[in-house]
Amino acid sequence: MNCVLFLDDDHARHARFRLRMGALGHAQRHQLLYVFTAAEAIAALQAHEGEIAHAFLDHDLCADDHWVLPGAPSKVPTGMAVVDHIVTMRQPPAKVTVHSFNHRAALEMCARLSRLPNVATQYIPFTELLDQLDPLV
């Protein structure tokens, strides 16, 4: 397991995460998978099942997206769709960090992931994530 998955629709966050991962030397030790949509994240999880050590997930993946009550339709797939996929995997990522600014949705994502016995889950808003990145990966 040597891949790190980063899901966010914000290009600036991708650039900041990529820069920090490079500065910490993680870019040389891990295959970094950068995705912008839930569909891309799910495809990467499927293609690299058993290889992803850590997944970093955002929830709101476009400007008009919002978290809705469980079972209610969303305008577009969110990070919650990725979480719902992860809970069905035979070999999910060993660690998942939710970095969404959407506190309520992030807590729900973590609650769903907490049902997996071998997955360490945490919520760290993106504003704090880069400072805490080195020991996480």
N, C-alpha and C. Protein backbone atom coordinates (compact mmCIF):
# COMPACT_ATOMS: atom_id res chain seq x y z
N MET A 1 0.84 -1.17 0.00
CA MET A 1 0.00 0.00 0.00
C MET A 1 0.89 1.24 0.00
N ASN A 2 0.99 1.88 -1.16
CA ASN A 2 1.86 3.04 -1.24
C ASN A 2 1.24 4.22 -1.96
N CYS A 3 -0.07 4.17 -2.19
CA CYS A 3 -0.74 5.27 -2.87
C CYS A 3 -1.42 6.19 -1.84
N VAL A 4 -1.49 7.46 -2.20
CA VAL A 4 -2.23 8.45 -1.42
C VAL A 4 -3.22 9.09 -2.38
N LEU A 5 -4.49 9.09 -2.01
CA LEU A 5 -5.57 9.66 -2.82
C LEU A 5 -5.98 10.99 -2.23
N PHE A 6 -6.09 12.02 -3.07
CA PHE A 6 -6.54 13.34 -2.63
C PHE A 6 -7.71 13.77 -3.48
N LEU A 7 -8.89 13.90 -2.87
CA LEU A 7 -10.12 14.32 -3.55
C LEU A 7 -10.50 15.72 -3.11
N ASP A 8 -10.57 16.62 -4.07
CA ASP A 8 -11.04 17.98 -3.82
C ASP A 8 -11.34 18.60 -5.18
N ASP A 9 -12.37 19.44 -5.25
CA ASP A 9 -12.69 20.09 -6.51
C ASP A 9 -11.97 21.42 -6.67
N ASP A 10 -11.26 21.87 -5.64
CA ASP A 10 -10.58 23.16 -5.65
C ASP A 10 -9.14 22.99 -6.15
N HIS A 11 -8.83 23.57 -7.29
CA HIS A 11 -7.50 23.44 -7.88
C HIS A 11 -6.41 24.05 -6.99
N ALA A 12 -6.73 25.11 -6.29
CA ALA A 12 -5.75 25.74 -5.40
C ALA A 12 -5.40 24.80 -4.24
N ARG A 13 -6.39 24.10 -3.72
CA ARG A 13 -6.10 23.14 -2.64
C ARG A 13 -5.23 22.00 -3.16
N HIS A 14 -5.50 21.56 -4.38
CA HIS A 14 -4.65 20.52 -4.98
C HIS A 14 -3.20 21.01 -5.04
N ALA A 15 -3.01 22.23 -5.50
CA ALA A 15 -1.66 22.77 -5.64
C ALA A 15 -0.97 22.88 -4.27
N ARG A 16 -1.69 23.34 -3.27
CA ARG A 16 -1.11 23.47 -1.93
C ARG A 16 -0.78 22.10 -1.34
N PHE A 17 -1.66 21.13 -1.52
CA PHE A 17 -1.43 19.78 -1.01
C PHE A 17 -0.22 19.15 -1.72
N ARG A 18 -0.18 19.30 -3.04
CA ARG A 18 0.92 18.74 -3.84
C ARG A 18 2.25 19.36 -3.41
N LEU A 19 2.28 20.66 -3.22
CA LEU A 19 3.49 21.35 -2.80
C LEU A 19 3.96 20.86 -1.43
N ARG A 20 3.02 20.74 -0.49
CA ARG A 20 3.36 20.28 0.86
C ARG A 20 3.84 18.83 0.86
N MET A 21 3.19 17.98 0.09
CA MET A 21 3.61 16.57 0.00
C MET A 21 5.02 16.48 -0.57
N GLY A 22 5.31 17.31 -1.56
CA GLY A 22 6.66 17.34 -2.14
C GLY A 22 7.69 17.82 -1.14
N ALA A 23 7.36 18.87 -0.42
CA ALA A 23 8.29 19.44 0.56
C ALA A 23 8.60 18.45 1.68
N LEU A 24 7.64 17.60 2.02
CA LEU A 24 7.84 16.62 3.08
C LEU A 24 8.49 15.33 2.56
N GLY A 25 8.70 15.24 1.26
CA GLY A 25 9.32 14.05 0.68
C GLY A 25 8.34 12.92 0.39
N HIS A 26 7.06 13.14 0.61
CA HIS A 26 6.08 12.08 0.37
C HIS A 26 5.86 11.81 -1.11
N ALA A 27 6.12 12.80 -1.94
CA ALA A 27 5.94 12.61 -3.39
C ALA A 27 6.91 11.57 -3.92
N GLN A 28 8.04 11.39 -3.26
CA GLN A 28 9.01 10.39 -3.69
C GLN A 28 8.68 9.01 -3.13
N ARG A 29 7.97 8.95 -2.01
CA ARG A 29 7.70 7.67 -1.35
C ARG A 29 6.33 7.09 -1.66
N HIS A 30 5.45 7.89 -2.22
CA HIS A 30 4.08 7.44 -2.48
C HIS A 30 3.66 7.82 -3.90
N GLN A 31 2.81 6.99 -4.47
CA GLN A 31 2.16 7.39 -5.72
C GLN A 31 0.98 8.27 -5.30
N LEU A 32 0.97 9.50 -5.77
CA LEU A 32 -0.07 10.44 -5.40
C LEU A 32 -1.15 10.47 -6.47
N LEU A 33 -2.38 10.24 -6.07
CA LEU A 33 -3.51 10.20 -6.98
C LEU A 33 -4.38 11.42 -6.70
N TYR A 34 -4.41 12.36 -7.63
CA TYR A 34 -5.17 13.59 -7.46
C TYR A 34 -6.44 13.52 -8.29
N VAL A 35 -7.60 13.64 -7.63
CA VAL A 35 -8.88 13.56 -8.32
C VAL A 35 -9.77 14.73 -7.90
N PHE A 36 -10.69 15.08 -8.79
CA PHE A 36 -11.52 16.27 -8.58
C PHE A 36 -13.01 15.94 -8.38
N THR A 37 -13.43 14.73 -8.73
CA THR A 37 -14.84 14.37 -8.63
C THR A 37 -14.99 13.05 -7.88
N ALA A 38 -16.21 12.81 -7.41
CA ALA A 38 -16.50 11.54 -6.74
C ALA A 38 -16.29 10.38 -7.70
N ALA A 39 -16.69 10.53 -8.94
CA ALA A 39 -16.52 9.46 -9.93
C ALA A 39 -15.05 9.13 -10.14
N GLU A 40 -14.21 10.15 -10.22
CA GLU A 40 -12.76 9.92 -10.37
C GLU A 40 -12.18 9.24 -9.14
N ALA A 41 -12.66 9.63 -7.96
CA ALA A 41 -12.18 9.02 -6.72
C ALA A 41 -12.56 7.54 -6.66
N ILE A 42 -13.79 7.24 -6.99
CA ILE A 42 -14.25 5.85 -6.97
C ILE A 42 -13.48 5.02 -8.00
N ALA A 43 -13.25 5.58 -9.17
CA ALA A 43 -12.47 4.87 -10.20
C ALA A 43 -11.05 4.60 -9.70
N ALA A 44 -10.43 5.58 -9.04
CA ALA A 44 -9.08 5.39 -8.51
C ALA A 44 -9.07 4.34 -7.40
N LEU A 45 -10.08 4.36 -6.54
CA LEU A 45 -10.18 3.36 -5.48
C LEU A 45 -10.32 1.96 -6.07
N GLN A 46 -11.09 1.83 -7.12
CA GLN A 46 -11.26 0.53 -7.77
C GLN A 46 -9.97 0.07 -8.45
N ALA A 47 -9.32 0.99 -9.14
CA ALA A 47 -8.10 0.64 -9.88
C ALA A 47 -6.93 0.31 -8.95
N HIS A 48 -6.94 0.90 -7.76
CA HIS A 48 -5.81 0.74 -6.83
C HIS A 48 -6.24 0.08 -5.52
N GLU A 49 -7.28 -0.75 -5.57
CA GLU A 49 -7.75 -1.39 -4.34
C GLU A 49 -6.63 -2.20 -3.70
N GLY A 50 -6.46 -2.01 -2.41
CA GLY A 50 -5.41 -2.68 -1.67
C GLY A 50 -4.08 -1.95 -1.71
N GLU A 51 -4.00 -0.88 -2.50
CA GLU A 51 -2.75 -0.13 -2.64
C GLU A 51 -2.82 1.26 -1.99
N ILE A 52 -4.02 1.73 -1.67
CA ILE A 52 -4.17 3.09 -1.15
C ILE A 52 -4.02 3.06 0.37
N ALA A 53 -2.95 3.68 0.82
CA ALA A 53 -2.67 3.73 2.26
C ALA A 53 -3.50 4.81 2.94
N HIS A 54 -3.73 5.91 2.25
CA HIS A 54 -4.40 7.04 2.87
C HIS A 54 -5.24 7.77 1.82
N ALA A 55 -6.49 8.03 2.16
CA ALA A 55 -7.37 8.81 1.29
C ALA A 55 -7.74 10.09 2.02
N PHE A 56 -7.60 11.21 1.34
CA PHE A 56 -8.00 12.52 1.85
C PHE A 56 -9.23 12.94 1.07
N LEU A 57 -10.35 13.14 1.76
CA LEU A 57 -11.63 13.36 1.09
C LEU A 57 -12.26 14.69 1.47
N ASP A 58 -12.73 15.40 0.45
CA ASP A 58 -13.57 16.57 0.64
C ASP A 58 -15.02 16.12 0.49
N HIS A 59 -15.94 16.91 0.96
CA HIS A 59 -17.36 16.57 0.78
C HIS A 59 -17.98 17.34 -0.37
N ASP A 60 -18.04 18.66 -0.24
CA ASP A 60 -18.71 19.49 -1.24
C ASP A 60 -17.81 19.61 -2.47
N LEU A 61 -18.26 19.09 -3.58
CA LEU A 61 -17.41 18.99 -4.76
C LEU A 61 -17.78 19.92 -5.89
N CYS A 62 -18.65 20.87 -5.65
CA CYS A 62 -18.91 21.93 -6.62
C CYS A 62 -19.66 23.04 -5.91
N ALA A 63 -19.70 24.19 -6.51
CA ALA A 63 -20.25 25.37 -5.85
C ALA A 63 -21.71 25.22 -5.44
N ASP A 64 -22.51 24.49 -6.22
CA ASP A 64 -23.93 24.39 -5.88
C ASP A 64 -24.25 23.10 -5.12
N ASP A 65 -23.23 22.39 -4.68
CA ASP A 65 -23.45 21.15 -3.94
C ASP A 65 -23.75 21.47 -2.48
N HIS A 66 -24.46 20.58 -1.86
CA HIS A 66 -24.77 20.75 -0.44
C HIS A 66 -25.05 19.38 0.15
N TRP A 67 -24.89 19.27 1.45
CA TRP A 67 -25.18 18.01 2.13
C TRP A 67 -26.67 17.93 2.39
N VAL A 68 -27.22 16.77 2.15
CA VAL A 68 -28.65 16.58 2.38
C VAL A 68 -28.83 15.42 3.36
N LEU A 69 -30.03 15.25 3.85
CA LEU A 69 -30.31 14.16 4.78
C LEU A 69 -30.06 12.81 4.11
N PRO A 70 -29.65 11.80 4.88
CA PRO A 70 -29.40 10.48 4.30
C PRO A 70 -30.60 9.99 3.49
N GLY A 71 -30.33 9.52 2.31
CA GLY A 71 -31.37 9.01 1.44
C GLY A 71 -31.95 10.04 0.50
N ALA A 72 -31.75 11.32 0.78
CA ALA A 72 -32.27 12.37 -0.10
C ALA A 72 -31.31 12.57 -1.27
N PRO A 73 -31.83 12.93 -2.43
CA PRO A 73 -30.94 13.10 -3.59
C PRO A 73 -30.08 14.35 -3.47
N SER A 74 -28.89 14.29 -4.03
CA SER A 74 -28.00 15.43 -4.11
C SER A 74 -27.90 15.83 -5.57
N LYS A 75 -27.58 17.08 -5.82
CA LYS A 75 -27.47 17.55 -7.20
C LYS A 75 -26.34 16.83 -7.94
N VAL A 76 -25.23 16.61 -7.27
CA VAL A 76 -24.10 15.89 -7.84
C VAL A 76 -23.53 14.98 -6.77
N PRO A 77 -22.81 13.95 -7.17
CA PRO A 77 -22.18 13.11 -6.14
C PRO A 77 -21.18 13.92 -5.30
N THR A 78 -21.19 13.66 -4.03
CA THR A 78 -20.30 14.34 -3.09
C THR A 78 -19.28 13.35 -2.56
N GLY A 79 -18.45 13.81 -1.64
CA GLY A 79 -17.53 12.91 -0.98
C GLY A 79 -18.24 11.80 -0.24
N MET A 80 -19.51 12.00 0.11
CA MET A 80 -20.29 10.97 0.78
C MET A 80 -20.45 9.74 -0.12
N ALA A 81 -20.56 9.96 -1.42
CA ALA A 81 -20.65 8.84 -2.36
C ALA A 81 -19.36 8.02 -2.33
N VAL A 82 -18.24 8.69 -2.16
CA VAL A 82 -16.95 8.01 -2.07
C VAL A 82 -16.88 7.20 -0.78
N VAL A 83 -17.33 7.78 0.31
CA VAL A 83 -17.38 7.05 1.58
C VAL A 83 -18.25 5.82 1.45
N ASP A 84 -19.42 5.99 0.83
CA ASP A 84 -20.32 4.84 0.66
C ASP A 84 -19.67 3.75 -0.18
N HIS A 85 -18.83 4.13 -1.12
CA HIS A 85 -18.08 3.12 -1.89
C HIS A 85 -17.02 2.46 -1.01
N ILE A 86 -16.29 3.25 -0.24
CA ILE A 86 -15.23 2.70 0.61
C ILE A 86 -15.77 1.64 1.57
N VAL A 87 -16.94 1.88 2.13
CA VAL A 87 -17.47 0.91 3.10
C VAL A 87 -17.83 -0.42 2.44
N THR A 88 -17.89 -0.48 1.13
CA THR A 88 -18.18 -1.74 0.43
C THR A 88 -16.92 -2.45 -0.05
N MET A 89 -15.78 -1.83 0.09
CA MET A 89 -14.54 -2.39 -0.44
C MET A 89 -14.02 -3.54 0.42
N ARG A 90 -13.43 -4.53 -0.24
CA ARG A 90 -12.77 -5.62 0.50
C ARG A 90 -11.48 -5.13 1.15
N GLN A 91 -10.75 -4.24 0.45
CA GLN A 91 -9.51 -3.70 0.96
C GLN A 91 -9.56 -2.16 0.88
N PRO A 92 -10.24 -1.55 1.84
CA PRO A 92 -10.33 -0.08 1.83
C PRO A 92 -9.00 0.54 2.22
N PRO A 93 -8.86 1.85 2.02
CA PRO A 93 -7.65 2.52 2.49
C PRO A 93 -7.47 2.30 4.00
N ALA A 94 -6.23 2.21 4.45
CA ALA A 94 -5.96 2.01 5.88
C ALA A 94 -6.32 3.25 6.69
N LYS A 95 -6.17 4.43 6.08
CA LYS A 95 -6.49 5.69 6.75
C LYS A 95 -7.35 6.54 5.82
N VAL A 96 -8.28 7.26 6.43
CA VAL A 96 -9.08 8.23 5.69
C VAL A 96 -9.15 9.50 6.52
N THR A 97 -8.77 10.60 5.89
CA THR A 97 -8.89 11.91 6.52
C THR A 97 -9.91 12.72 5.73
N VAL A 98 -10.93 13.18 6.41
CA VAL A 98 -11.94 14.04 5.80
C VAL A 98 -11.50 15.47 6.09
N HIS A 99 -11.34 16.27 5.02
CA HIS A 99 -10.83 17.64 5.20
C HIS A 99 -11.83 18.71 4.76
N SER A 100 -13.09 18.37 4.71
CA SER A 100 -14.13 19.28 4.26
C SER A 100 -14.37 20.41 5.26
N PHE A 101 -14.74 21.59 4.74
CA PHE A 101 -15.18 22.69 5.60
C PHE A 101 -16.63 22.50 6.03
N ASN A 102 -17.33 21.57 5.40
CA ASN A 102 -18.72 21.27 5.74
C ASN A 102 -18.70 20.34 6.96
N HIS A 103 -18.71 20.95 8.13
CA HIS A 103 -18.54 20.23 9.39
C HIS A 103 -19.56 19.11 9.56
N ARG A 104 -20.81 19.41 9.34
CA ARG A 104 -21.88 18.42 9.55
C ARG A 104 -21.70 17.22 8.63
N ALA A 105 -21.41 17.48 7.36
CA ALA A 105 -21.21 16.38 6.42
C ALA A 105 -19.93 15.60 6.74
N ALA A 106 -18.88 16.31 7.15
CA ALA A 106 -17.63 15.64 7.51
C ALA A 106 -17.84 14.68 8.67
N LEU A 107 -18.60 15.10 9.66
CA LEU A 107 -18.87 14.21 10.80
C LEU A 107 -19.66 12.99 10.37
N GLU A 108 -20.60 13.17 9.46
CA GLU A 108 -21.36 12.03 8.95
C GLU A 108 -20.47 11.09 8.15
N MET A 109 -19.56 11.65 7.35
CA MET A 109 -18.63 10.81 6.59
C MET A 109 -17.79 9.97 7.56
N CYS A 110 -17.28 10.60 8.61
CA CYS A 110 -16.46 9.89 9.59
C CYS A 110 -17.29 8.83 10.33
N ALA A 111 -18.53 9.14 10.63
CA ALA A 111 -19.40 8.18 11.32
C ALA A 111 -19.60 6.93 10.46
N ARG A 112 -19.83 7.12 9.18
CA ARG A 112 -20.01 5.97 8.29
C ARG A 112 -18.73 5.14 8.18
N LEU A 113 -17.59 5.83 8.12
CA LEU A 113 -16.31 5.13 8.02
C LEU A 113 -15.92 4.45 9.33
N SER A 114 -16.39 4.96 10.44
CA SER A 114 -16.02 4.39 11.74
C SER A 114 -16.54 2.97 11.91
N ARG A 115 -17.46 2.56 11.08
CA ARG A 115 -17.99 1.19 11.14
C ARG A 115 -17.00 0.16 10.60
N LEU A 116 -15.97 0.64 9.91
CA LEU A 116 -14.95 -0.26 9.35
C LEU A 116 -13.88 -0.51 10.40
N PRO A 117 -13.66 -1.76 10.78
CA PRO A 117 -12.76 -2.05 11.90
C PRO A 117 -11.28 -1.75 11.63
N ASN A 118 -10.84 -1.81 10.40
CA ASN A 118 -9.41 -1.64 10.10
C ASN A 118 -9.09 -0.35 9.37
N VAL A 119 -9.96 0.65 9.50
CA VAL A 119 -9.74 1.94 8.85
C VAL A 119 -9.68 3.03 9.92
N ALA A 120 -8.54 3.71 9.99
CA ALA A 120 -8.39 4.84 10.91
C ALA A 120 -8.98 6.07 10.23
N THR A 121 -9.92 6.70 10.89
CA THR A 121 -10.64 7.83 10.31
C THR A 121 -10.49 9.06 11.19
N GLN A 122 -10.33 10.22 10.54
CA GLN A 122 -10.27 11.46 11.29
C GLN A 122 -10.79 12.62 10.45
N TYR A 123 -11.20 13.66 11.14
CA TYR A 123 -11.67 14.88 10.50
C TYR A 123 -10.72 16.01 10.84
N ILE A 124 -10.11 16.59 9.82
CA ILE A 124 -9.22 17.74 9.99
C ILE A 124 -9.58 18.74 8.88
N PRO A 125 -10.16 19.88 9.21
CA PRO A 125 -10.48 20.86 8.16
C PRO A 125 -9.22 21.23 7.38
N PHE A 126 -9.37 21.55 6.12
CA PHE A 126 -8.23 21.80 5.24
C PHE A 126 -7.30 22.88 5.79
N THR A 127 -7.86 23.88 6.48
CA THR A 127 -7.03 24.96 7.02
C THR A 127 -5.99 24.44 8.01
N GLU A 128 -6.24 23.32 8.64
CA GLU A 128 -5.32 22.72 9.60
C GLU A 128 -4.54 21.54 9.00
N LEU A 129 -5.02 21.01 7.91
CA LEU A 129 -4.48 19.77 7.36
C LEU A 129 -3.01 19.86 6.97
N LEU A 130 -2.62 20.90 6.27
CA LEU A 130 -1.25 20.98 5.75
C LEU A 130 -0.22 21.03 6.88
N ASP A 131 -0.57 21.67 8.00
CA ASP A 131 0.35 21.74 9.13
C ASP A 131 0.50 20.39 9.83
N GLN A 132 -0.49 19.52 9.70
CA GLN A 132 -0.46 18.23 10.38
C GLN A 132 -0.13 17.07 9.44
N LEU A 133 0.21 17.38 8.22
CA LEU A 133 0.34 16.37 7.17
C LEU A 133 1.46 15.36 7.40
N ASP A 134 2.62 15.79 7.84
CA ASP A 134 3.77 14.88 7.89
C ASP A 134 3.51 13.62 8.71
N PRO A 135 3.06 13.73 9.95
CA PRO A 135 2.83 12.48 10.69
C PRO A 135 1.61 11.68 10.22
N LEU A 136 0.73 12.31 9.44
CA LEU A 136 -0.46 11.61 8.97
C LEU A 136 -0.13 10.57 7.90
N VAL A 137 0.77 10.92 6.99
CA VAL A 137 1.02 10.06 5.83
C VAL A 137 2.04 9.01 6.15
